[in-house]
Amino acid sequence: MIWWPADDCITCVECHGRSHDAIEERGKKTLLECNYCGLRQWASNAPPKPRDDTPRMTTGRFAGKTFEEIEAMPNGRRYLETVARNDEKLREAVSRHLAASQ
């Protein structure tokens, strides 16, 4: 499953949640499942899948961005250092990136 970023998703018609998982793709449509109520609905113009295996943020305001893109932003490195300290899921990948980019 691909997490559908909240900034780009549609609103759930049942609970008005804005966080979905992409379950299935058919052409230019993606079947989304609401993370709050479980309702499934089709959406058009699904975001493209990443073309490479570059680590990307999975949550928050930088969801979908690479660590390099985040680091290039003002205070980006400080943000990544905070993520490395506080996010268990991303800790290893972000720490590896920070060590390599020094």
PDB file of N, CA and C in Angstrom:
ATOM      1  N   MET A   1       0.822  -1.186   0.000  1.00  0.00           N
ATOM      2  CA  MET A   1       0.000   0.000   0.000  1.00  0.00           C
ATOM      3  C   MET A   1       0.864   1.246   0.000  1.00  0.00           C
ATOM      4  N   ILE A   2       0.378   2.268  -0.613  1.00  0.00           N
ATOM      5  CA  ILE A   2       1.064   3.549  -0.665  1.00  0.00           C
ATOM      6  C   ILE A   2       0.267   4.530   0.179  1.00  0.00           C
ATOM      7  N   TRP A   3       0.923   5.201   1.073  1.00  0.00           N
ATOM      8  CA  TRP A   3       0.226   6.204   1.882  1.00  0.00           C
ATOM      9  C   TRP A   3      -0.080   7.400   1.003  1.00  0.00           C
ATOM     10  N   TRP A   4      -1.289   7.869   1.055  1.00  0.00           N
ATOM     11  CA  TRP A   4      -1.732   9.016   0.260  1.00  0.00           C
ATOM     12  C   TRP A   4      -1.569  10.266   1.116  1.00  0.00           C
ATOM     13  N   PRO A   5      -0.675  11.195   0.758  1.00  0.00           N
ATOM     14  CA  PRO A   5      -0.417  12.366   1.620  1.00  0.00           C
ATOM     15  C   PRO A   5      -1.659  13.196   1.875  1.00  0.00           C
ATOM     16  N   ALA A   6      -1.849  13.625   3.089  1.00  0.00           N
ATOM     17  CA  ALA A   6      -3.039  14.381   3.477  1.00  0.00           C
ATOM     18  C   ALA A   6      -3.183  15.673   2.683  1.00  0.00           C
ATOM     19  N   ASP A   7      -2.074  16.312   2.316  1.00  0.00           N
ATOM     20  CA  ASP A   7      -2.154  17.573   1.587  1.00  0.00           C
ATOM     21  C   ASP A   7      -2.737  17.386   0.186  1.00  0.00           C
ATOM     22  N   ASP A   8      -2.611  16.194  -0.377  1.00  0.00           N
ATOM     23  CA  ASP A   8      -3.026  15.958  -1.754  1.00  0.00           C
ATOM     24  C   ASP A   8      -4.280  15.112  -1.875  1.00  0.00           C
ATOM     25  N   CYS A   9      -4.821  14.645  -0.763  1.00  0.00           N
ATOM     26  CA  CYS A   9      -5.911  13.682  -0.855  1.00  0.00           C
ATOM     27  C   CYS A   9      -7.266  14.351  -0.889  1.00  0.00           C
ATOM     28  N   ILE A  10      -8.236  13.535  -1.200  1.00  0.00           N
ATOM     29  CA  ILE A  10      -9.612  14.007  -1.149  1.00  0.00           C
ATOM     30  C   ILE A  10     -10.130  13.825   0.273  1.00  0.00           C
ATOM     31  N   THR A  11     -11.261  14.413   0.550  1.00  0.00           N
ATOM     32  CA  THR A  11     -11.890  14.266   1.854  1.00  0.00           C
ATOM     33  C   THR A  11     -12.827  13.067   1.811  1.00  0.00           C
ATOM     34  N   CYS A  12     -12.788  12.251   2.834  1.00  0.00           N
ATOM     35  CA  CYS A  12     -13.667  11.094   2.937  1.00  0.00           C
ATOM     36  C   CYS A  12     -15.119  11.575   2.992  1.00  0.00           C
ATOM     37  N   VAL A  13     -15.972  10.960   2.171  1.00  0.00           N
ATOM     38  CA  VAL A  13     -17.373  11.380   2.146  1.00  0.00           C
ATOM     39  C   VAL A  13     -18.119  10.947   3.403  1.00  0.00           C
ATOM     40  N   GLU A  14     -17.597   9.973   4.121  1.00  0.00           N
ATOM     41  CA  GLU A  14     -18.266   9.458   5.321  1.00  0.00           C
ATOM     42  C   GLU A  14     -17.875  10.246   6.576  1.00  0.00           C
ATOM     43  N   CYS A  15     -16.559  10.333   6.852  1.00  0.00           N
ATOM     44  CA  CYS A  15     -16.117  10.951   8.115  1.00  0.00           C
ATOM     45  C   CYS A  15     -15.349  12.255   7.917  1.00  0.00           C
ATOM     46  N   HIS A  16     -15.110  12.648   6.658  1.00  0.00           N
ATOM     47  CA  HIS A  16     -14.382  13.869   6.306  1.00  0.00           C
ATOM     48  C   HIS A  16     -12.907  13.807   6.672  1.00  0.00           C
ATOM     49  N   GLY A  17     -12.386  12.590   6.895  1.00  0.00           N
ATOM     50  CA  GLY A  17     -10.959  12.416   7.156  1.00  0.00           C
ATOM     51  C   GLY A  17     -10.148  12.741   5.911  1.00  0.00           C
ATOM     52  N   ARG A  18      -8.884  13.081   6.110  1.00  0.00           N
ATOM     53  CA  ARG A  18      -8.035  13.450   4.980  1.00  0.00           C
ATOM     54  C   ARG A  18      -6.770  12.627   4.937  1.00  0.00           C
ATOM     55  N   SER A  19      -6.815  11.397   5.421  1.00  0.00           N
ATOM     56  CA  SER A  19      -5.654  10.517   5.385  1.00  0.00           C
ATOM     57  C   SER A  19      -6.107   9.167   4.843  1.00  0.00           C
ATOM     58  N   HIS A  20      -5.509   8.755   3.727  1.00  0.00           N
ATOM     59  CA  HIS A  20      -5.925   7.538   3.051  1.00  0.00           C
ATOM     60  C   HIS A  20      -4.731   6.672   2.681  1.00  0.00           C
ATOM     61  N   ASP A  21      -4.985   5.388   2.477  1.00  0.00           N
ATOM     62  CA  ASP A  21      -4.026   4.476   1.873  1.00  0.00           C
ATOM     63  C   ASP A  21      -4.509   4.182   0.469  1.00  0.00           C
ATOM     64  N   ALA A  22      -3.576   4.105  -0.484  1.00  0.00           N
ATOM     65  CA  ALA A  22      -3.923   3.719  -1.849  1.00  0.00           C
ATOM     66  C   ALA A  22      -3.925   2.190  -1.895  1.00  0.00           C
ATOM     67  N   ILE A  23      -5.058   1.600  -2.243  1.00  0.00           N
ATOM     68  CA  ILE A  23      -5.229   0.153  -2.214  1.00  0.00           C
ATOM     69  C   ILE A  23      -4.989  -0.464  -3.584  1.00  0.00           C
ATOM     70  N   GLU A  24      -5.497   0.174  -4.633  1.00  0.00           N
ATOM     71  CA  GLU A  24      -5.448  -0.406  -5.973  1.00  0.00           C
ATOM     72  C   GLU A  24      -5.445   0.715  -6.998  1.00  0.00           C
ATOM     73  N   GLU A  25      -4.778   0.491  -8.119  1.00  0.00           N
ATOM     74  CA  GLU A  25      -4.767   1.467  -9.195  1.00  0.00           C
ATOM     75  C   GLU A  25      -5.359   0.844 -10.448  1.00  0.00           C
ATOM     76  N   ARG A  26      -6.167   1.611 -11.149  1.00  0.00           N
ATOM     77  CA  ARG A  26      -6.731   1.224 -12.439  1.00  0.00           C
ATOM     78  C   ARG A  26      -6.657   2.434 -13.352  1.00  0.00           C
ATOM     79  N   GLY A  27      -5.711   2.399 -14.271  1.00  0.00           N
ATOM     80  CA  GLY A  27      -5.541   3.541 -15.171  1.00  0.00           C
ATOM     81  C   GLY A  27      -5.203   4.799 -14.406  1.00  0.00           C
ATOM     82  N   LYS A  28      -6.040   5.815 -14.558  1.00  0.00           N
ATOM     83  CA  LYS A  28      -5.796   7.101 -13.890  1.00  0.00           C
ATOM     84  C   LYS A  28      -6.596   7.247 -12.608  1.00  0.00           C
ATOM     85  N   LYS A  29      -7.099   6.142 -12.083  1.00  0.00           N
ATOM     86  CA  LYS A  29      -7.869   6.185 -10.829  1.00  0.00           C
ATOM     87  C   LYS A  29      -7.202   5.308  -9.785  1.00  0.00           C
ATOM     88  N   THR A  30      -7.352   5.703  -8.533  1.00  0.00           N
ATOM     89  CA  THR A  30      -6.794   4.966  -7.411  1.00  0.00           C
ATOM     90  C   THR A  30      -7.888   4.727  -6.385  1.00  0.00           C
ATOM     91  N   LEU A  31      -7.965   3.496  -5.906  1.00  0.00           N
ATOM     92  CA  LEU A  31      -8.907   3.159  -4.845  1.00  0.00           C
ATOM     93  C   LEU A  31      -8.269   3.531  -3.520  1.00  0.00           C
ATOM     94  N   LEU A  32      -8.924   4.435  -2.787  1.00  0.00           N
ATOM     95  CA  LEU A  32      -8.411   4.913  -1.507  1.00  0.00           C
ATOM     96  C   LEU A  32      -9.215   4.306  -0.366  1.00  0.00           C
ATOM     97  N   GLU A  33      -8.526   4.025   0.738  1.00  0.00           N
ATOM     98  CA  GLU A  33      -9.196   3.562   1.947  1.00  0.00           C
ATOM     99  C   GLU A  33      -8.909   4.570   3.049  1.00  0.00           C
ATOM    100  N   CYS A  34      -9.973   5.102   3.649  1.00  0.00           N
ATOM    101  CA  CYS A  34      -9.833   6.092   4.713  1.00  0.00           C
ATOM    102  C   CYS A  34      -9.174   5.451   5.929  1.00  0.00           C
ATOM    103  N   ASN A  35      -8.180   6.104   6.478  1.00  0.00           N
ATOM    104  CA  ASN A  35      -7.493   5.593   7.666  1.00  0.00           C
ATOM    105  C   ASN A  35      -8.318   5.754   8.933  1.00  0.00           C
ATOM    106  N   TYR A  36      -9.388   6.532   8.880  1.00  0.00           N
ATOM    107  CA  TYR A  36     -10.205   6.759  10.062  1.00  0.00           C
ATOM    108  C   TYR A  36     -11.411   5.823  10.122  1.00  0.00           C
ATOM    109  N   CYS A  37     -12.197   5.773   9.041  1.00  0.00           N
ATOM    110  CA  CYS A  37     -13.429   4.978   9.089  1.00  0.00           C
ATOM    111  C   CYS A  37     -13.382   3.744   8.191  1.00  0.00           C
ATOM    112  N   GLY A  38     -12.376   3.630   7.323  1.00  0.00           N
ATOM    113  CA  GLY A  38     -12.230   2.454   6.475  1.00  0.00           C
ATOM    114  C   GLY A  38     -13.007   2.501   5.174  1.00  0.00           C
ATOM    115  N   LEU A  39     -13.738   3.572   4.909  1.00  0.00           N
ATOM    116  CA  LEU A  39     -14.506   3.683   3.673  1.00  0.00           C
ATOM    117  C   LEU A  39     -13.550   3.672   2.486  1.00  0.00           C
ATOM    118  N   ARG A  40     -13.923   2.925   1.446  1.00  0.00           N
ATOM    119  CA  ARG A  40     -13.125   2.904   0.222  1.00  0.00           C
ATOM    120  C   ARG A  40     -13.837   3.713  -0.846  1.00  0.00           C
ATOM    121  N   GLN A  41     -13.061   4.527  -1.568  1.00  0.00           N
ATOM    122  CA  GLN A  41     -13.617   5.340  -2.641  1.00  0.00           C
ATOM    123  C   GLN A  41     -12.548   5.556  -3.709  1.00  0.00           C
ATOM    124  N   TRP A  42     -12.993   5.723  -4.946  1.00  0.00           N
ATOM    125  CA  TRP A  42     -12.077   5.935  -6.061  1.00  0.00           C
ATOM    126  C   TRP A  42     -11.761   7.418  -6.201  1.00  0.00           C
ATOM    127  N   ALA A  43     -10.504   7.715  -6.551  1.00  0.00           N
ATOM    128  CA  ALA A  43     -10.070   9.092  -6.770  1.00  0.00           C
ATOM    129  C   ALA A  43      -9.338   9.178  -8.099  1.00  0.00           C
ATOM    130  N   SER A  44      -9.502  10.283  -8.780  1.00  0.00           N
ATOM    131  CA  SER A  44      -8.811  10.517 -10.047  1.00  0.00           C
ATOM    132  C   SER A  44      -7.486  11.214  -9.795  1.00  0.00           C
ATOM    133  N   ASN A  45      -6.609  11.121 -10.782  1.00  0.00           N
ATOM    134  CA  ASN A  45      -5.330  11.836 -10.745  1.00  0.00           C
ATOM    135  C   ASN A  45      -4.495  11.486  -9.516  1.00  0.00           C
ATOM    136  N   ALA A  46      -4.302  10.213  -9.296  1.00  0.00           N
ATOM    137  CA  ALA A  46      -3.476   9.762  -8.178  1.00  0.00           C
ATOM    138  C   ALA A  46      -2.054  10.278  -8.347  1.00  0.00           C
ATOM    139  N   PRO A  47      -1.368  10.560  -7.240  1.00  0.00           N
ATOM    140  CA  PRO A  47       0.014  11.028  -7.361  1.00  0.00           C
ATOM    141  C   PRO A  47       0.878   9.911  -7.937  1.00  0.00           C
ATOM    142  N   PRO A  48       1.893  10.263  -8.715  1.00  0.00           N
ATOM    143  CA  PRO A  48       2.747   9.227  -9.285  1.00  0.00           C
ATOM    144  C   PRO A  48       3.568   8.544  -8.203  1.00  0.00           C
ATOM    145  N   LYS A  49       3.899   7.291  -8.450  1.00  0.00           N
ATOM    146  CA  LYS A  49       4.770   6.567  -7.527  1.00  0.00           C
ATOM    147  C   LYS A  49       6.178   7.119  -7.686  1.00  0.00           C
ATOM    148  N   PRO A  50       6.971   7.113  -6.617  1.00  0.00           N
ATOM    149  CA  PRO A  50       8.358   7.556  -6.753  1.00  0.00           C
ATOM    150  C   PRO A  50       9.066   6.699  -7.799  1.00  0.00           C
ATOM    151  N   ARG A  51       9.908   7.333  -8.598  1.00  0.00           N
ATOM    152  CA  ARG A  51      10.602   6.627  -9.671  1.00  0.00           C
ATOM    153  C   ARG A  51      11.838   5.893  -9.194  1.00  0.00           C
ATOM    154  N   ASP A  52      12.253   6.131  -8.000  1.00  0.00           N
ATOM    155  CA  ASP A  52      13.459   5.485  -7.489  1.00  0.00           C
ATOM    156  C   ASP A  52      13.240   5.049  -6.050  1.00  0.00           C
ATOM    157  N   ASP A  53      14.264   4.511  -5.451  1.00  0.00           N
ATOM    158  CA  ASP A  53      14.167   4.048  -4.067  1.00  0.00           C
ATOM    159  C   ASP A  53      14.713   5.072  -3.076  1.00  0.00           C
ATOM    160  N   THR A  54      14.799   6.319  -3.482  1.00  0.00           N
ATOM    161  CA  THR A  54      15.291   7.370  -2.600  1.00  0.00           C
ATOM    162  C   THR A  54      14.370   7.482  -1.390  1.00  0.00           C
ATOM    163  N   PRO A  55      14.932   7.454  -0.183  1.00  0.00           N
ATOM    164  CA  PRO A  55      14.076   7.589   1.005  1.00  0.00           C
ATOM    165  C   PRO A  55      13.319   8.909   0.981  1.00  0.00           C
ATOM    166  N   ARG A  56      12.064   8.838   1.389  1.00  0.00           N
ATOM    167  CA  ARG A  56      11.205  10.016   1.409  1.00  0.00           C
ATOM    168  C   ARG A  56      10.476  10.089   2.740  1.00  0.00           C
ATOM    169  N   MET A  57      10.081  11.295   3.111  1.00  0.00           N
ATOM    170  CA  MET A  57       9.267  11.470   4.309  1.00  0.00           C
ATOM    171  C   MET A  57       7.911  10.832   4.047  1.00  0.00           C
ATOM    172  N   THR A  58       7.374  10.172   5.043  1.00  0.00           N
ATOM    173  CA  THR A  58       6.094   9.493   4.876  1.00  0.00           C
ATOM    174  C   THR A  58       4.950  10.227   5.560  1.00  0.00           C
ATOM    175  N   THR A  59       5.269  11.152   6.437  1.00  0.00           N
ATOM    176  CA  THR A  59       4.231  11.870   7.174  1.00  0.00           C
ATOM    177  C   THR A  59       4.593  13.341   7.291  1.00  0.00           C
ATOM    178  N   GLY A  60       3.666  14.104   7.798  1.00  0.00           N
ATOM    179  CA  GLY A  60       3.936  15.505   8.102  1.00  0.00           C
ATOM    180  C   GLY A  60       3.874  16.404   6.890  1.00  0.00           C
ATOM    181  N   ARG A  61       4.293  17.629   7.091  1.00  0.00           N
ATOM    182  CA  ARG A  61       4.167  18.628   6.039  1.00  0.00           C
ATOM    183  C   ARG A  61       5.119  18.398   4.874  1.00  0.00           C
ATOM    184  N   PHE A  62       6.138  17.561   5.062  1.00  0.00           N
ATOM    185  CA  PHE A  62       7.082  17.262   3.985  1.00  0.00           C
ATOM    186  C   PHE A  62       6.862  15.874   3.389  1.00  0.00           C
ATOM    187  N   ALA A  63       5.686  15.295   3.579  1.00  0.00           N
ATOM    188  CA  ALA A  63       5.394  13.955   3.057  1.00  0.00           C
ATOM    189  C   ALA A  63       5.645  13.907   1.552  1.00  0.00           C
ATOM    190  N   GLY A  64       6.402  12.897   1.125  1.00  0.00           N
ATOM    191  CA  GLY A  64       6.718  12.712  -0.288  1.00  0.00           C
ATOM    192  C   GLY A  64       8.024  13.351  -0.721  1.00  0.00           C
ATOM    193  N   LYS A  65       8.563  14.248   0.077  1.00  0.00           N
ATOM    194  CA  LYS A  65       9.821  14.910  -0.275  1.00  0.00           C
ATOM    195  C   LYS A  65      11.006  14.036   0.143  1.00  0.00           C
ATOM    196  N   THR A  66      12.081  14.121  -0.636  1.00  0.00           N
ATOM    197  CA  THR A  66      13.300  13.400  -0.283  1.00  0.00           C
ATOM    198  C   THR A  66      14.019  14.144   0.841  1.00  0.00           C
ATOM    199  N   PHE A  67      14.902  13.442   1.510  1.00  0.00           N
ATOM    200  CA  PHE A  67      15.672  14.081   2.579  1.00  0.00           C
ATOM    201  C   PHE A  67      16.548  15.207   2.012  1.00  0.00           C
ATOM    202  N   GLU A  68      17.043  15.023   0.788  1.00  0.00           N
ATOM    203  CA  GLU A  68      17.860  16.064   0.155  1.00  0.00           C
ATOM    204  C   GLU A  68      17.038  17.336  -0.078  1.00  0.00           C
ATOM    205  N   GLU A  69      15.793  17.165  -0.533  1.00  0.00           N
ATOM    206  CA  GLU A  69      14.925  18.322  -0.760  1.00  0.00           C
ATOM    207  C   GLU A  69      14.645  19.052   0.546  1.00  0.00           C
ATOM    208  N   ILE A  70      14.428  18.301   1.601  1.00  0.00           N
ATOM    209  CA  ILE A  70      14.150  18.913   2.901  1.00  0.00           C
ATOM    210  C   ILE A  70      15.380  19.636   3.418  1.00  0.00           C
ATOM    211  N   GLU A  71      16.539  19.004   3.293  1.00  0.00           N
ATOM    212  CA  GLU A  71      17.766  19.607   3.804  1.00  0.00           C
ATOM    213  C   GLU A  71      18.096  20.911   3.081  1.00  0.00           C
ATOM    214  N   ALA A  72      17.699  21.041   1.830  1.00  0.00           N
ATOM    215  CA  ALA A  72      17.972  22.256   1.060  1.00  0.00           C
ATOM    216  C   ALA A  72      17.100  23.433   1.488  1.00  0.00           C
ATOM    217  N   MET A  73      16.055  23.183   2.251  1.00  0.00           N
ATOM    218  CA  MET A  73      15.161  24.248   2.719  1.00  0.00           C
ATOM    219  C   MET A  73      15.769  24.951   3.930  1.00  0.00           C
ATOM    220  N   PRO A  74      15.334  26.188   4.186  1.00  0.00           N
ATOM    221  CA  PRO A  74      15.801  26.869   5.396  1.00  0.00           C
ATOM    222  C   PRO A  74      15.467  26.020   6.631  1.00  0.00           C
ATOM    223  N   ASN A  75      16.417  25.811   7.492  1.00  0.00           N
ATOM    224  CA  ASN A  75      16.290  25.011   8.712  1.00  0.00           C
ATOM    225  C   ASN A  75      15.971  23.547   8.431  1.00  0.00           C
ATOM    226  N   GLY A  76      16.180  23.107   7.202  1.00  0.00           N
ATOM    227  CA  GLY A  76      15.885  21.724   6.830  1.00  0.00           C
ATOM    228  C   GLY A  76      16.730  20.713   7.577  1.00  0.00           C
ATOM    229  N   ARG A  77      18.026  20.992   7.712  1.00  0.00           N
ATOM    230  CA  ARG A  77      18.889  20.052   8.432  1.00  0.00           C
ATOM    231  C   ARG A  77      18.460  19.926   9.891  1.00  0.00           C
ATOM    232  N   ARG A  78      18.115  21.034  10.510  1.00  0.00           N
ATOM    233  CA  ARG A  78      17.651  21.013  11.893  1.00  0.00           C
ATOM    234  C   ARG A  78      16.372  20.178  12.018  1.00  0.00           C
ATOM    235  N   TYR A  79      15.481  20.324  11.038  1.00  0.00           N
ATOM    236  CA  TYR A  79      14.247  19.525  11.024  1.00  0.00           C
ATOM    237  C   TYR A  79      14.578  18.027  10.947  1.00  0.00           C
ATOM    238  N   LEU A  80      15.499  17.672  10.045  1.00  0.00           N
ATOM    239  CA  LEU A  80      15.874  16.261   9.906  1.00  0.00           C
ATOM    240  C   LEU A  80      16.538  15.729  11.170  1.00  0.00           C
ATOM    241  N   GLU A  81      17.328  16.541  11.838  1.00  0.00           N
ATOM    242  CA  GLU A  81      17.940  16.121  13.103  1.00  0.00           C
ATOM    243  C   GLU A  81      16.871  15.845  14.149  1.00  0.00           C
ATOM    244  N   THR A  82      15.821  16.661  14.171  1.00  0.00           N
ATOM    245  CA  THR A  82      14.703  16.444  15.093  1.00  0.00           C
ATOM    246  C   THR A  82      13.980  15.146  14.750  1.00  0.00           C
ATOM    247  N   VAL A  83      13.773  14.891  13.470  1.00  0.00           N
ATOM    248  CA  VAL A  83      13.135  13.647  13.040  1.00  0.00           C
ATOM    249  C   VAL A  83      13.975  12.450  13.476  1.00  0.00           C
ATOM    250  N   ALA A  84      15.290  12.548  13.304  1.00  0.00           N
ATOM    251  CA  ALA A  84      16.180  11.441  13.675  1.00  0.00           C
ATOM    252  C   ALA A  84      16.109  11.142  15.173  1.00  0.00           C
ATOM    253  N   ARG A  85      15.891  12.152  15.983  1.00  0.00           N
ATOM    254  CA  ARG A  85      15.792  11.944  17.432  1.00  0.00           C
ATOM    255  C   ARG A  85      14.432  11.403  17.854  1.00  0.00           C
ATOM    256  N   ASN A  86      13.367  11.783  17.148  1.00  0.00           N
ATOM    257  CA  ASN A  86      12.019  11.532  17.653  1.00  0.00           C
ATOM    258  C   ASN A  86      11.167  10.533  16.875  1.00  0.00           C
ATOM    259  N   ASP A  87      11.528  10.191  15.655  1.00  0.00           N
ATOM    260  CA  ASP A  87      10.691   9.306  14.834  1.00  0.00           C
ATOM    261  C   ASP A  87      11.357   7.940  14.699  1.00  0.00           C
ATOM    262  N   GLU A  88      10.834   6.953  15.408  1.00  0.00           N
ATOM    263  CA  GLU A  88      11.433   5.624  15.405  1.00  0.00           C
ATOM    264  C   GLU A  88      11.439   4.992  14.020  1.00  0.00           C
ATOM    265  N   LYS A  89      10.392   5.224  13.217  1.00  0.00           N
ATOM    266  CA  LYS A  89      10.303   4.618  11.898  1.00  0.00           C
ATOM    267  C   LYS A  89      11.336   5.176  10.928  1.00  0.00           C
ATOM    268  N   LEU A  90      11.623   6.458  11.023  1.00  0.00           N
ATOM    269  CA  LEU A  90      12.538   7.097  10.081  1.00  0.00           C
ATOM    270  C   LEU A  90      13.938   7.315  10.643  1.00  0.00           C
ATOM    271  N   ARG A  91      14.130   7.026  11.915  1.00  0.00           N
ATOM    272  CA  ARG A  91      15.394   7.330  12.596  1.00  0.00           C
ATOM    273  C   ARG A  91      16.620   6.827  11.826  1.00  0.00           C
ATOM    274  N   GLU A  92      16.600   5.561  11.446  1.00  0.00           N
ATOM    275  CA  GLU A  92      17.776   4.971  10.800  1.00  0.00           C
ATOM    276  C   GLU A  92      18.059   5.612   9.441  1.00  0.00           C
ATOM    277  N   ALA A  93      17.044   5.755   8.612  1.00  0.00           N
ATOM    278  CA  ALA A  93      17.236   6.327   7.275  1.00  0.00           C
ATOM    279  C   ALA A  93      17.686   7.786   7.352  1.00  0.00           C
ATOM    280  N   VAL A  94      17.063   8.566   8.226  1.00  0.00           N
ATOM    281  CA  VAL A  94      17.431   9.981   8.348  1.00  0.00           C
ATOM    282  C   VAL A  94      18.842  10.114   8.922  1.00  0.00           C
ATOM    283  N   SER A  95      19.178   9.302   9.901  1.00  0.00           N
ATOM    284  CA  SER A  95      20.528   9.341  10.486  1.00  0.00           C
ATOM    285  C   SER A  95      21.587   9.009   9.440  1.00  0.00           C
ATOM    286  N   ARG A  96      21.302   7.997   8.602  1.00  0.00           N
ATOM    287  CA  ARG A  96      22.224   7.641   7.522  1.00  0.00           C
ATOM    288  C   ARG A  96      22.409   8.815   6.556  1.00  0.00           C
ATOM    289  N   HIS A  97      21.315   9.465   6.212  1.00  0.00           N
ATOM    290  CA  HIS A  97      21.387  10.618   5.315  1.00  0.00           C
ATOM    291  C   HIS A  97      22.213  11.743   5.926  1.00  0.00           C
ATOM    292  N   LEU A  98      21.950  12.050   7.195  1.00  0.00           N
ATOM    293  CA  LEU A  98      22.681  13.142   7.849  1.00  0.00           C
ATOM    294  C   LEU A  98      24.167  12.847   7.934  1.00  0.00           C
ATOM    295  N   ALA A  99      24.522  11.614   8.227  1.00  0.00           N
ATOM    296  CA  ALA A  99      25.932  11.241   8.321  1.00  0.00           C
ATOM    297  C   ALA A  99      26.616  11.361   6.942  1.00  0.00           C
ATOM    298  N   ALA A 100      25.926  10.998   5.900  1.00  0.00           N
ATOM    299  CA  ALA A 100      26.500  11.045   4.556  1.00  0.00           C
ATOM    300  C   ALA A 100      26.592  12.456   4.008  1.00  0.00           C
ATOM    301  N   SER A 101      25.768  13.361   4.494  1.00  0.00           N
ATOM    302  CA  SER A 101      25.749  14.716   3.924  1.00  0.00           C
ATOM    303  C   SER A 101      26.567  15.729   4.715  1.00  0.00           C
ATOM    304  N   GLN A 102      27.313  15.281   5.689  1.00  0.00           N
ATOM    305  CA  GLN A 102      28.128  16.226   6.477  1.00  0.00           C
ATOM    306  C   GLN A 102      29.287  16.760   5.692  1.00  0.00           C
TER     307      GLN A 102
END
